[in-house]
Amino acid sequence: MKPIAIPVLLVAALLAAPAQAKLKVFACEPEWGSLVRELAGDKVDVDVATSALQDVHVIEAKPSLIAKMRAADLLVCTGAQLEIGWLPQLLRQSGNTRVASGPGSFMAAAQVKTLEKPTTLDRANGDVHPDGNPHIHLDPRRVLIVAQRLDARLAQLDPANAAVYQQRLGDFSTRWTAAMKRWQTRAAPLRGRKVVVHHISWVYLWDWLGIQQIGALEPKPSVPPTSAHLSGLIATTKAVNTLAIVNAAYQDGKPSAWLSQRTGVPAVTLPYTVGGDAQAKDLFGLFDSTIDKLLGAAK
């Protein structure tokens, strides 16, 4: 072999060597997929299991989801048993022990204090989550805490890109903190207003904005209303200066429209998560759209 052949072969081998595989993230909900993209950019591949137009309580464990779960290095879900109806089955059928527990499993609700944590469990109270209300992504203060914890997890699993994750967290935190101030200023007229909801998905949003929930179309979580309940809800809604009757983009808007027709209170469909409407393209757009629509109901 000629002396010149060795470096030529070495260069060829280096060029042919595969790049370091990206971390594969399986996100259960669009909000966490969006947050991962904020924190990791092109350093990870993200698959999101659900869309804003699906009820995340009831998702079918399709073979395509099982295949994505099987390839994942990190699972990012809400937790607090929000996905209890389908996530355990996905994990079991995928056989992926990397994300079944330990560093590869990240549950957002476990990173923050949850609201509405029941002291006793009784099926008569409806579909109550024992770890508290899981819809934490509707409080941007909690989202920031989740971002900090999730960023640390990304760095733990992918130390080669730890500096990138740290830099992106700093950038996200700066933009998010400024956005929170802007949202709170704009939403100031909403403080103290009263709303009726379809399902109790919004407690964190109301807690952050100082809005009072006075009733729900579902008398108990995931329990259909009776005639007596609806009659009482009409009276309650009409008795005070109710701002809006709120449902999520994935829910049937007919029950809210029905109540609106009988009370004169506007029915408002909020995106609920990323992708819930044209404006909610990311987490920032989600809160921009939500506040715009609530302020629109106040006019």
C-alpha atoms as a PDB file:
ATOM      1  CA  MET A   1       0.000   0.000   0.000  1.00  0.00           C
ATOM      2  CA  LYS A   2       1.334   3.403  -0.922  1.00  0.00           C
ATOM      3  CA  PRO A   3       1.949   5.845   2.016  1.00  0.00           C
ATOM      4  CA  ILE A   4      -0.583   8.299   0.636  1.00  0.00           C
ATOM      5  CA  ALA A   5      -3.358   5.686   0.794  1.00  0.00           C
ATOM      6  CA  ILE A   6      -3.581   5.632   4.634  1.00  0.00           C
ATOM      7  CA  PRO A   7      -4.730   9.256   5.191  1.00  0.00           C
ATOM      8  CA  VAL A   8      -7.058   8.980   2.234  1.00  0.00           C
ATOM      9  CA  LEU A   9      -8.713   5.904   3.739  1.00  0.00           C
ATOM     10  CA  LEU A  10      -8.834   7.549   7.168  1.00  0.00           C
ATOM     11  CA  VAL A  11     -10.595  10.636   5.810  1.00  0.00           C
ATOM     12  CA  ALA A  12     -12.994   8.452   3.885  1.00  0.00           C
ATOM     13  CA  ALA A  13     -13.771   6.453   7.009  1.00  0.00           C
ATOM     14  CA  LEU A  14     -14.413   9.612   9.042  1.00  0.00           C
ATOM     15  CA  LEU A  15     -16.722  10.993   6.398  1.00  0.00           C
ATOM     16  CA  ALA A  16     -18.607   7.702   6.304  1.00  0.00           C
ATOM     17  CA  ALA A  17     -18.965   7.499  10.099  1.00  0.00           C
ATOM     18  CA  PRO A  18     -22.550   8.129  11.254  1.00  0.00           C
ATOM     19  CA  ALA A  19     -23.263  11.351  13.160  1.00  0.00           C
ATOM     20  CA  GLN A  20     -24.154  10.989  16.825  1.00  0.00           C
ATOM     21  CA  ALA A  21     -27.770   9.913  17.022  1.00  0.00           C
ATOM     22  CA  LYS A  22     -30.171  12.538  18.260  1.00  0.00           C
ATOM     23  CA  LEU A  23     -32.092  12.010  21.473  1.00  0.00           C
ATOM     24  CA  LYS A  24     -35.566  10.728  20.600  1.00  0.00           C
ATOM     25  CA  VAL A  25     -38.357  12.279  22.663  1.00  0.00           C
ATOM     26  CA  PHE A  26     -41.900  10.944  22.895  1.00  0.00           C
ATOM     27  CA  ALA A  27     -44.243  13.691  24.142  1.00  0.00           C
ATOM     28  CA  CYS A  28     -47.740  12.709  25.182  1.00  0.00           C
ATOM     29  CA  GLU A  29     -49.298  16.163  24.639  1.00  0.00           C
ATOM     30  CA  PRO A  30     -48.664  19.053  22.219  1.00  0.00           C
ATOM     31  CA  GLU A  31     -47.697  21.494  24.988  1.00  0.00           C
ATOM     32  CA  TRP A  32     -44.792  19.318  26.094  1.00  0.00           C
ATOM     33  CA  GLY A  33     -43.699  18.678  22.523  1.00  0.00           C
ATOM     34  CA  SER A  34     -43.603  22.436  22.029  1.00  0.00           C
ATOM     35  CA  LEU A  35     -41.619  22.933  25.238  1.00  0.00           C
ATOM     36  CA  VAL A  36     -39.061  20.302  24.224  1.00  0.00           C
ATOM     37  CA  ARG A  37     -38.565  22.091  20.896  1.00  0.00           C
ATOM     38  CA  GLU A  38     -38.028  25.377  22.756  1.00  0.00           C
ATOM     39  CA  LEU A  39     -35.387  23.807  24.981  1.00  0.00           C
ATOM     40  CA  ALA A  40     -33.642  21.480  22.550  1.00  0.00           C
ATOM     41  CA  GLY A  41     -34.204  22.817  19.033  1.00  0.00           C
ATOM     42  CA  ASP A  42     -32.681  20.526  16.433  1.00  0.00           C
ATOM     43  CA  LYS A  43     -30.688  18.536  18.996  1.00  0.00           C
ATOM     44  CA  VAL A  44     -33.572  16.111  19.489  1.00  0.00           C
ATOM     45  CA  ASP A  45     -36.248  14.377  17.434  1.00  0.00           C
ATOM     46  CA  VAL A  46     -39.732  14.829  18.906  1.00  0.00           C
ATOM     47  CA  ASP A  47     -42.833  12.714  18.328  1.00  0.00           C
ATOM     48  CA  VAL A  48     -46.092  14.021  19.810  1.00  0.00           C
ATOM     49  CA  ALA A  49     -48.700  11.360  20.533  1.00  0.00           C
ATOM     50  CA  THR A  50     -51.831  13.523  20.541  1.00  0.00           C
ATOM     51  CA  SER A  51     -53.248  16.649  18.943  1.00  0.00           C
ATOM     52  CA  ALA A  52     -55.202  19.595  20.314  1.00  0.00           C
ATOM     53  CA  LEU A  53     -58.362  18.176  18.785  1.00  0.00           C
ATOM     54  CA  GLN A  54     -58.179  14.939  20.763  1.00  0.00           C
ATOM     55  CA  ASP A  55     -59.350  14.273  24.300  1.00  0.00           C
ATOM     56  CA  VAL A  56     -56.098  13.159  25.893  1.00  0.00           C
ATOM     57  CA  HIS A  57     -58.009  11.191  28.516  1.00  0.00           C
ATOM     58  CA  VAL A  58     -59.060   8.669  25.854  1.00  0.00           C
ATOM     59  CA  ILE A  59     -56.427   7.869  23.223  1.00  0.00           C
ATOM     60  CA  GLU A  60     -56.166   4.623  21.260  1.00  0.00           C
ATOM     61  CA  ALA A  61     -52.848   2.815  21.674  1.00  0.00           C
ATOM     62  CA  LYS A  62     -52.236   2.467  17.923  1.00  0.00           C
ATOM     63  CA  PRO A  63     -49.312   0.424  16.500  1.00  0.00           C
ATOM     64  CA  SER A  64     -47.776   3.647  15.143  1.00  0.00           C
ATOM     65  CA  LEU A  65     -47.604   5.068  18.670  1.00  0.00           C
ATOM     66  CA  ILE A  66     -46.173   1.831  20.017  1.00  0.00           C
ATOM     67  CA  ALA A  67     -43.415   1.958  17.391  1.00  0.00           C
ATOM     68  CA  LYS A  68     -42.532   5.549  18.319  1.00  0.00           C
ATOM     69  CA  MET A  69     -42.531   4.685  22.004  1.00  0.00           C
ATOM     70  CA  ARG A  70     -40.226   1.734  21.319  1.00  0.00           C
ATOM     71  CA  ALA A  71     -37.629   4.053  19.778  1.00  0.00           C
ATOM     72  CA  ALA A  72     -37.825   6.785  22.431  1.00  0.00           C
ATOM     73  CA  ASP A  73     -34.997   7.776  24.793  1.00  0.00           C
ATOM     74  CA  LEU A  74     -37.137  10.191  26.816  1.00  0.00           C
ATOM     75  CA  LEU A  75     -40.850  10.179  27.620  1.00  0.00           C
ATOM     76  CA  VAL A  76     -42.393  13.579  28.448  1.00  0.00           C
ATOM     77  CA  CYS A  77     -45.999  13.472  29.613  1.00  0.00           C
ATOM     78  CA  THR A  78     -48.286  15.342  31.985  1.00  0.00           C
ATOM     79  CA  GLY A  79     -48.653  12.464  34.424  1.00  0.00           C
ATOM     80  CA  ALA A  80     -50.948  12.730  37.458  1.00  0.00           C
ATOM     81  CA  GLN A  81     -52.813   9.848  35.780  1.00  0.00           C
ATOM     82  CA  LEU A  82     -54.054  12.046  32.921  1.00  0.00           C
ATOM     83  CA  GLU A  83     -52.889   9.352  30.468  1.00  0.00           C
ATOM     84  CA  ILE A  84     -53.856   6.399  32.687  1.00  0.00           C
ATOM     85  CA  GLY A  85     -56.228   5.052  30.026  1.00  0.00           C
ATOM     86  CA  TRP A  86     -53.578   4.469  27.350  1.00  0.00           C
ATOM     87  CA  LEU A  87     -49.991   5.262  28.396  1.00  0.00           C
ATOM     88  CA  PRO A  88     -49.426   2.103  30.499  1.00  0.00           C
ATOM     89  CA  GLN A  89     -50.561   0.000  27.550  1.00  0.00           C
ATOM     90  CA  LEU A  90     -48.186   1.824  25.200  1.00  0.00           C
ATOM     91  CA  LEU A  91     -45.288   1.304  27.571  1.00  0.00           C
ATOM     92  CA  ARG A  92     -46.104  -2.348  28.075  1.00  0.00           C
ATOM     93  CA  GLN A  93     -46.498  -3.137  24.392  1.00  0.00           C
ATOM     94  CA  SER A  94     -43.404  -1.172  23.358  1.00  0.00           C
ATOM     95  CA  GLY A  95     -41.219  -3.056  25.822  1.00  0.00           C
ATOM     96  CA  ASN A  96     -39.014   0.045  26.100  1.00  0.00           C
ATOM     97  CA  THR A  97     -37.558  -0.077  29.588  1.00  0.00           C
ATOM     98  CA  ARG A  98     -35.522   3.113  28.980  1.00  0.00           C
ATOM     99  CA  VAL A  99     -38.649   5.246  29.316  1.00  0.00           C
ATOM    100  CA  ALA A 100     -40.727   3.084  31.651  1.00  0.00           C
ATOM    101  CA  SER A 101     -39.074   4.643  34.726  1.00  0.00           C
ATOM    102  CA  GLY A 102     -35.930   6.424  35.833  1.00  0.00           C
ATOM    103  CA  PRO A 103     -34.258   9.306  33.943  1.00  0.00           C
ATOM    104  CA  GLY A 104     -36.033   8.410  30.696  1.00  0.00           C
ATOM    105  CA  SER A 105     -39.445   9.103  32.197  1.00  0.00           C
ATOM    106  CA  PHE A 106     -40.392  12.749  32.850  1.00  0.00           C
ATOM    107  CA  MET A 107     -43.824  13.635  34.247  1.00  0.00           C
ATOM    108  CA  ALA A 108     -44.532  17.362  34.232  1.00  0.00           C
ATOM    109  CA  ALA A 109     -47.175  17.334  36.958  1.00  0.00           C
ATOM    110  CA  ALA A 110     -44.697  15.709  39.340  1.00  0.00           C
ATOM    111  CA  GLN A 111     -42.457  18.793  39.069  1.00  0.00           C
ATOM    112  CA  VAL A 112     -45.009  21.267  40.493  1.00  0.00           C
ATOM    113  CA  LYS A 113     -47.687  21.557  43.137  1.00  0.00           C
ATOM    114  CA  THR A 114     -51.018  20.364  41.780  1.00  0.00           C
ATOM    115  CA  LEU A 115     -54.425  21.810  42.653  1.00  0.00           C
ATOM    116  CA  GLU A 116     -57.630  19.969  43.600  1.00  0.00           C
ATOM    117  CA  LYS A 117     -55.826  16.990  45.129  1.00  0.00           C
ATOM    118  CA  PRO A 118     -58.614  14.888  46.661  1.00  0.00           C
ATOM    119  CA  THR A 119     -58.445  13.797  50.269  1.00  0.00           C
ATOM    120  CA  THR A 120     -60.573  10.735  49.517  1.00  0.00           C
ATOM    121  CA  LEU A 121     -61.202   8.782  46.317  1.00  0.00           C
ATOM    122  CA  ASP A 122     -64.706   7.754  45.345  1.00  0.00           C
ATOM    123  CA  ARG A 123     -65.882   6.882  41.829  1.00  0.00           C
ATOM    124  CA  ALA A 124     -69.160   8.564  42.720  1.00  0.00           C
ATOM    125  CA  ASN A 125     -67.269  11.861  42.405  1.00  0.00           C
ATOM    126  CA  GLY A 126     -66.566  11.198  38.733  1.00  0.00           C
ATOM    127  CA  ASP A 127     -63.227  10.827  36.947  1.00  0.00           C
ATOM    128  CA  VAL A 128     -61.129  12.424  39.679  1.00  0.00           C
ATOM    129  CA  HIS A 129     -57.328  12.249  39.469  1.00  0.00           C
ATOM    130  CA  PRO A 130     -55.774  11.145  42.792  1.00  0.00           C
ATOM    131  CA  ASP A 131     -52.627  13.233  42.229  1.00  0.00           C
ATOM    132  CA  GLY A 132     -54.613  16.411  41.659  1.00  0.00           C
ATOM    133  CA  ASN A 133     -55.915  18.246  38.620  1.00  0.00           C
ATOM    134  CA  PRO A 134     -53.422  17.375  35.849  1.00  0.00           C
ATOM    135  CA  HIS A 135     -53.991  20.340  33.499  1.00  0.00           C
ATOM    136  CA  ILE A 136     -50.977  22.256  34.810  1.00  0.00           C
ATOM    137  CA  HIS A 137     -49.849  23.593  31.422  1.00  0.00           C
ATOM    138  CA  LEU A 138     -52.447  26.362  31.624  1.00  0.00           C
ATOM    139  CA  ASP A 139     -50.442  28.164  34.305  1.00  0.00           C
ATOM    140  CA  PRO A 140     -47.327  29.764  32.748  1.00  0.00           C
ATOM    141  CA  ARG A 141     -45.676  29.980  36.170  1.00  0.00           C
ATOM    142  CA  ARG A 142     -45.774  26.207  36.425  1.00  0.00           C
ATOM    143  CA  VAL A 143     -44.662  25.848  32.798  1.00  0.00           C
ATOM    144  CA  LEU A 144     -41.480  27.766  33.664  1.00  0.00           C
ATOM    145  CA  ILE A 145     -40.727  25.399  36.551  1.00  0.00           C
ATOM    146  CA  VAL A 146     -41.331  22.396  34.310  1.00  0.00           C
ATOM    147  CA  ALA A 147     -39.001  23.930  31.703  1.00  0.00           C
ATOM    148  CA  GLN A 148     -36.182  24.215  34.241  1.00  0.00           C
ATOM    149  CA  ARG A 149     -36.588  20.600  35.404  1.00  0.00           C
ATOM    150  CA  LEU A 150     -36.992  19.270  31.871  1.00  0.00           C
ATOM    151  CA  ASP A 151     -33.893  21.092  30.699  1.00  0.00           C
ATOM    152  CA  ALA A 152     -31.873  19.429  33.445  1.00  0.00           C
ATOM    153  CA  ARG A 153     -33.221  16.052  32.355  1.00  0.00           C
ATOM    154  CA  LEU A 154     -32.241  16.670  28.743  1.00  0.00           C
ATOM    155  CA  ALA A 155     -28.726  17.568  29.844  1.00  0.00           C
ATOM    156  CA  GLN A 156     -28.539  14.442  31.991  1.00  0.00           C
ATOM    157  CA  LEU A 157     -29.498  12.173  29.110  1.00  0.00           C
ATOM    158  CA  ASP A 158     -27.500  14.036  26.469  1.00  0.00           C
ATOM    159  CA  PRO A 159     -24.459  15.609  28.206  1.00  0.00           C
ATOM    160  CA  ALA A 160     -22.741  16.320  24.884  1.00  0.00           C
ATOM    161  CA  ASN A 161     -25.362  19.011  24.235  1.00  0.00           C
ATOM    162  CA  ALA A 162     -25.768  20.218  27.820  1.00  0.00           C
ATOM    163  CA  ALA A 163     -24.379  23.685  27.014  1.00  0.00           C
ATOM    164  CA  VAL A 164     -26.884  24.072  24.177  1.00  0.00           C
ATOM    165  CA  TYR A 165     -29.787  23.123  26.454  1.00  0.00           C
ATOM    166  CA  GLN A 166     -28.604  25.573  29.103  1.00  0.00           C
ATOM    167  CA  GLN A 167     -28.329  28.397  26.586  1.00  0.00           C
ATOM    168  CA  ARG A 168     -31.770  27.675  25.143  1.00  0.00           C
ATOM    169  CA  LEU A 169     -33.325  27.515  28.620  1.00  0.00           C
ATOM    170  CA  GLY A 170     -31.896  30.957  29.373  1.00  0.00           C
ATOM    171  CA  ASP A 171     -33.318  32.345  26.158  1.00  0.00           C
ATOM    172  CA  PHE A 172     -36.710  30.710  26.738  1.00  0.00           C
ATOM    173  CA  SER A 173     -36.870  31.911  30.359  1.00  0.00           C
ATOM    174  CA  THR A 174     -36.156  35.508  29.345  1.00  0.00           C
ATOM    175  CA  ARG A 175     -38.826  35.512  26.641  1.00  0.00           C
ATOM    176  CA  TRP A 176     -41.330  33.612  28.811  1.00  0.00           C
ATOM    177  CA  THR A 177     -40.926  35.915  31.815  1.00  0.00           C
ATOM    178  CA  ALA A 178     -41.437  38.981  29.620  1.00  0.00           C
ATOM    179  CA  ALA A 179     -44.497  37.366  28.019  1.00  0.00           C
ATOM    180  CA  MET A 180     -46.009  36.570  31.430  1.00  0.00           C
ATOM    181  CA  LYS A 181     -45.794  40.235  32.416  1.00  0.00           C
ATOM    182  CA  ARG A 182     -47.418  41.243  29.131  1.00  0.00           C
ATOM    183  CA  TRP A 183     -50.194  38.651  29.500  1.00  0.00           C
ATOM    184  CA  GLN A 184     -50.955  39.670  33.081  1.00  0.00           C
ATOM    185  CA  THR A 185     -51.149  43.344  32.131  1.00  0.00           C
ATOM    186  CA  ARG A 186     -53.501  42.644  29.250  1.00  0.00           C
ATOM    187  CA  ALA A 187     -55.632  40.254  31.329  1.00  0.00           C
ATOM    188  CA  ALA A 188     -56.041  42.650  34.263  1.00  0.00           C
ATOM    189  CA  PRO A 189     -59.689  43.462  33.277  1.00  0.00           C
ATOM    190  CA  LEU A 190     -60.517  39.768  33.621  1.00  0.00           C
ATOM    191  CA  ARG A 191     -59.598  39.592  37.309  1.00  0.00           C
ATOM    192  CA  GLY A 192     -62.641  38.790  39.444  1.00  0.00           C
ATOM    193  CA  ARG A 193     -64.807  37.814  36.469  1.00  0.00           C
ATOM    194  CA  LYS A 194     -66.865  34.615  36.579  1.00  0.00           C
ATOM    195  CA  VAL A 195     -67.009  31.758  34.066  1.00  0.00           C
ATOM    196  CA  VAL A 196     -68.851  28.499  33.470  1.00  0.00           C
ATOM    197  CA  VAL A 197     -66.880  25.634  31.895  1.00  0.00           C
ATOM    198  CA  HIS A 198     -67.619  22.421  30.043  1.00  0.00           C
ATOM    199  CA  HIS A 199     -65.009  20.313  31.881  1.00  0.00           C
ATOM    200  CA  ILE A 200     -62.814  21.353  34.812  1.00  0.00           C
ATOM    201  CA  SER A 201     -59.697  21.717  32.678  1.00  0.00           C
ATOM    202  CA  TRP A 202     -58.994  25.342  33.468  1.00  0.00           C
ATOM    203  CA  VAL A 203     -58.394  25.648  37.209  1.00  0.00           C
ATOM    204  CA  TYR A 204     -54.724  26.621  36.750  1.00  0.00           C
ATOM    205  CA  LEU A 205     -55.586  29.319  34.220  1.00  0.00           C
ATOM    206  CA  TRP A 206     -58.250  30.772  36.527  1.00  0.00           C
ATOM    207  CA  ASP A 207     -55.894  30.603  39.505  1.00  0.00           C
ATOM    208  CA  TRP A 208     -53.248  32.549  37.574  1.00  0.00           C
ATOM    209  CA  LEU A 209     -55.618  35.177  36.144  1.00  0.00           C
ATOM    210  CA  GLY A 210     -57.837  35.572  39.223  1.00  0.00           C
ATOM    211  CA  ILE A 211     -60.993  34.359  37.446  1.00  0.00           C
ATOM    212  CA  GLN A 212     -63.740  32.537  39.367  1.00  0.00           C
ATOM    213  CA  GLN A 213     -65.310  29.353  38.024  1.00  0.00           C
ATOM    214  CA  ILE A 214     -68.976  29.290  39.140  1.00  0.00           C
ATOM    215  CA  GLY A 215     -70.177  26.133  37.424  1.00  0.00           C
ATOM    216  CA  ALA A 216     -69.561  23.348  34.932  1.00  0.00           C
ATOM    217  CA  LEU A 217     -71.696  21.607  32.349  1.00  0.00           C
ATOM    218  CA  GLU A 218     -70.292  18.330  33.662  1.00  0.00           C
ATOM    219  CA  PRO A 219     -71.558  18.158  37.275  1.00  0.00           C
ATOM    220  CA  LYS A 220     -68.589  15.922  38.053  1.00  0.00           C
ATOM    221  CA  PRO A 221     -65.557  15.192  35.854  1.00  0.00           C
ATOM    222  CA  SER A 222     -66.614  13.180  32.768  1.00  0.00           C
ATOM    223  CA  VAL A 223     -70.156  12.733  34.143  1.00  0.00           C
ATOM    224  CA  PRO A 224     -72.985  13.905  31.822  1.00  0.00           C
ATOM    225  CA  PRO A 225     -75.378  16.479  33.279  1.00  0.00           C
ATOM    226  CA  THR A 226     -78.917  15.802  34.450  1.00  0.00           C
ATOM    227  CA  SER A 227     -81.889  18.044  33.662  1.00  0.00           C
ATOM    228  CA  ALA A 228     -81.896  19.289  37.235  1.00  0.00           C
ATOM    229  CA  HIS A 229     -78.204  20.184  37.020  1.00  0.00           C
ATOM    230  CA  LEU A 230     -78.706  22.116  33.791  1.00  0.00           C
ATOM    231  CA  SER A 231     -81.678  24.011  35.201  1.00  0.00           C
ATOM    232  CA  GLY A 232     -79.620  25.049  38.192  1.00  0.00           C
ATOM    233  CA  LEU A 233     -76.695  25.995  35.957  1.00  0.00           C
ATOM    234  CA  ILE A 234     -78.904  28.273  33.858  1.00  0.00           C
ATOM    235  CA  ALA A 235     -80.033  30.068  36.996  1.00  0.00           C
ATOM    236  CA  THR A 236     -76.481  30.357  38.339  1.00  0.00           C
ATOM    237  CA  THR A 237     -75.131  31.666  35.038  1.00  0.00           C
ATOM    238  CA  LYS A 238     -77.868  34.298  34.722  1.00  0.00           C
ATOM    239  CA  ALA A 239     -77.675  35.401  38.359  1.00  0.00           C
ATOM    240  CA  VAL A 240     -74.242  37.023  38.041  1.00  0.00           C
ATOM    241  CA  ASN A 241     -72.413  38.961  35.384  1.00  0.00           C
ATOM    242  CA  THR A 242     -70.860  35.829  33.874  1.00  0.00           C
ATOM    243  CA  LEU A 243     -68.036  36.492  31.454  1.00  0.00           C
ATOM    244  CA  ALA A 244     -68.248  33.375  29.284  1.00  0.00           C
ATOM    245  CA  ILE A 245     -69.111  29.706  28.943  1.00  0.00           C
ATOM    246  CA  VAL A 246     -65.784  28.049  28.128  1.00  0.00           C
ATOM    247  CA  ASN A 247     -65.015  24.845  26.265  1.00  0.00           C
ATOM    248  CA  ALA A 248     -61.820  23.455  24.761  1.00  0.00           C
ATOM    249  CA  ALA A 249     -61.154  23.078  21.039  1.00  0.00           C
ATOM    250  CA  TYR A 250     -61.371  19.290  21.298  1.00  0.00           C
ATOM    251  CA  GLN A 251     -64.789  19.335  22.951  1.00  0.00           C
ATOM    252  CA  ASP A 252     -68.179  19.421  21.276  1.00  0.00           C
ATOM    253  CA  GLY A 253     -69.294  23.047  21.403  1.00  0.00           C
ATOM    254  CA  LYS A 254     -73.005  22.242  21.327  1.00  0.00           C
ATOM    255  CA  PRO A 255     -73.524  22.032  25.123  1.00  0.00           C
ATOM    256  CA  SER A 256     -71.867  25.448  25.595  1.00  0.00           C
ATOM    257  CA  ALA A 257     -73.942  26.891  22.746  1.00  0.00           C
ATOM    258  CA  TRP A 258     -77.083  25.435  24.333  1.00  0.00           C
ATOM    259  CA  LEU A 259     -76.349  27.176  27.626  1.00  0.00           C
ATOM    260  CA  SER A 260     -75.404  30.378  25.832  1.00  0.00           C
ATOM    261  CA  GLN A 261     -78.742  30.499  24.034  1.00  0.00           C
ATOM    262  CA  ARG A 262     -80.582  30.236  27.338  1.00  0.00           C
ATOM    263  CA  THR A 263     -78.534  32.737  29.291  1.00  0.00           C
ATOM    264  CA  GLY A 264     -77.251  35.298  26.802  1.00  0.00           C
ATOM    265  CA  VAL A 265     -73.691  34.652  28.006  1.00  0.00           C
ATOM    266  CA  PRO A 266     -71.209  34.148  25.140  1.00  0.00           C
ATOM    267  CA  ALA A 267     -69.779  30.691  24.520  1.00  0.00           C
ATOM    268  CA  VAL A 268     -66.012  30.800  23.952  1.00  0.00           C
ATOM    269  CA  THR A 269     -63.844  28.020  22.554  1.00  0.00           C
ATOM    270  CA  LEU A 270     -60.280  28.254  23.859  1.00  0.00           C
ATOM    271  CA  PRO A 271     -57.391  26.374  22.218  1.00  0.00           C
ATOM    272  CA  TYR A 272     -56.530  24.542  25.467  1.00  0.00           C
ATOM    273  CA  THR A 273     -53.166  23.464  24.063  1.00  0.00           C
ATOM    274  CA  VAL A 274     -50.726  24.116  21.237  1.00  0.00           C
ATOM    275  CA  GLY A 275     -52.475  23.649  17.898  1.00  0.00           C
ATOM    276  CA  GLY A 276     -55.952  24.355  19.287  1.00  0.00           C
ATOM    277  CA  ASP A 277     -56.426  27.239  16.862  1.00  0.00           C
ATOM    278  CA  ALA A 278     -54.485  29.086  14.187  1.00  0.00           C
ATOM    279  CA  GLN A 279     -52.851  31.446  16.680  1.00  0.00           C
ATOM    280  CA  ALA A 280     -51.747  28.765  19.156  1.00  0.00           C
ATOM    281  CA  LYS A 281     -48.827  27.544  17.067  1.00  0.00           C
ATOM    282  CA  ASP A 282     -46.551  27.301  20.100  1.00  0.00           C
ATOM    283  CA  LEU A 283     -46.750  27.893  23.857  1.00  0.00           C
ATOM    284  CA  PHE A 284     -46.540  31.675  23.428  1.00  0.00           C
ATOM    285  CA  GLY A 285     -49.339  31.630  20.861  1.00  0.00           C
ATOM    286  CA  LEU A 286     -51.413  29.427  23.162  1.00  0.00           C
ATOM    287  CA  PHE A 287     -51.537  32.094  25.872  1.00  0.00           C
ATOM    288  CA  ASP A 288     -51.824  34.958  23.370  1.00  0.00           C
ATOM    289  CA  SER A 289     -54.902  33.323  21.858  1.00  0.00           C
ATOM    290  CA  THR A 290     -56.428  32.358  25.211  1.00  0.00           C
ATOM    291  CA  ILE A 291     -56.233  35.896  26.589  1.00  0.00           C
ATOM    292  CA  ASP A 292     -57.386  37.457  23.311  1.00  0.00           C
ATOM    293  CA  LYS A 293     -60.513  35.297  23.314  1.00  0.00           C
ATOM    294  CA  LEU A 294     -61.343  35.918  26.970  1.00  0.00           C
ATOM    295  CA  LEU A 295     -60.909  39.670  26.469  1.00  0.00           C
ATOM    296  CA  GLY A 296     -63.106  39.403  23.372  1.00  0.00           C
ATOM    297  CA  ALA A 297     -65.881  37.923  25.506  1.00  0.00           C
ATOM    298  CA  ALA A 298     -65.571  40.838  27.937  1.00  0.00           C
ATOM    299  CA  LYS A 299     -66.376  43.470  25.281  1.00  0.00           C
END
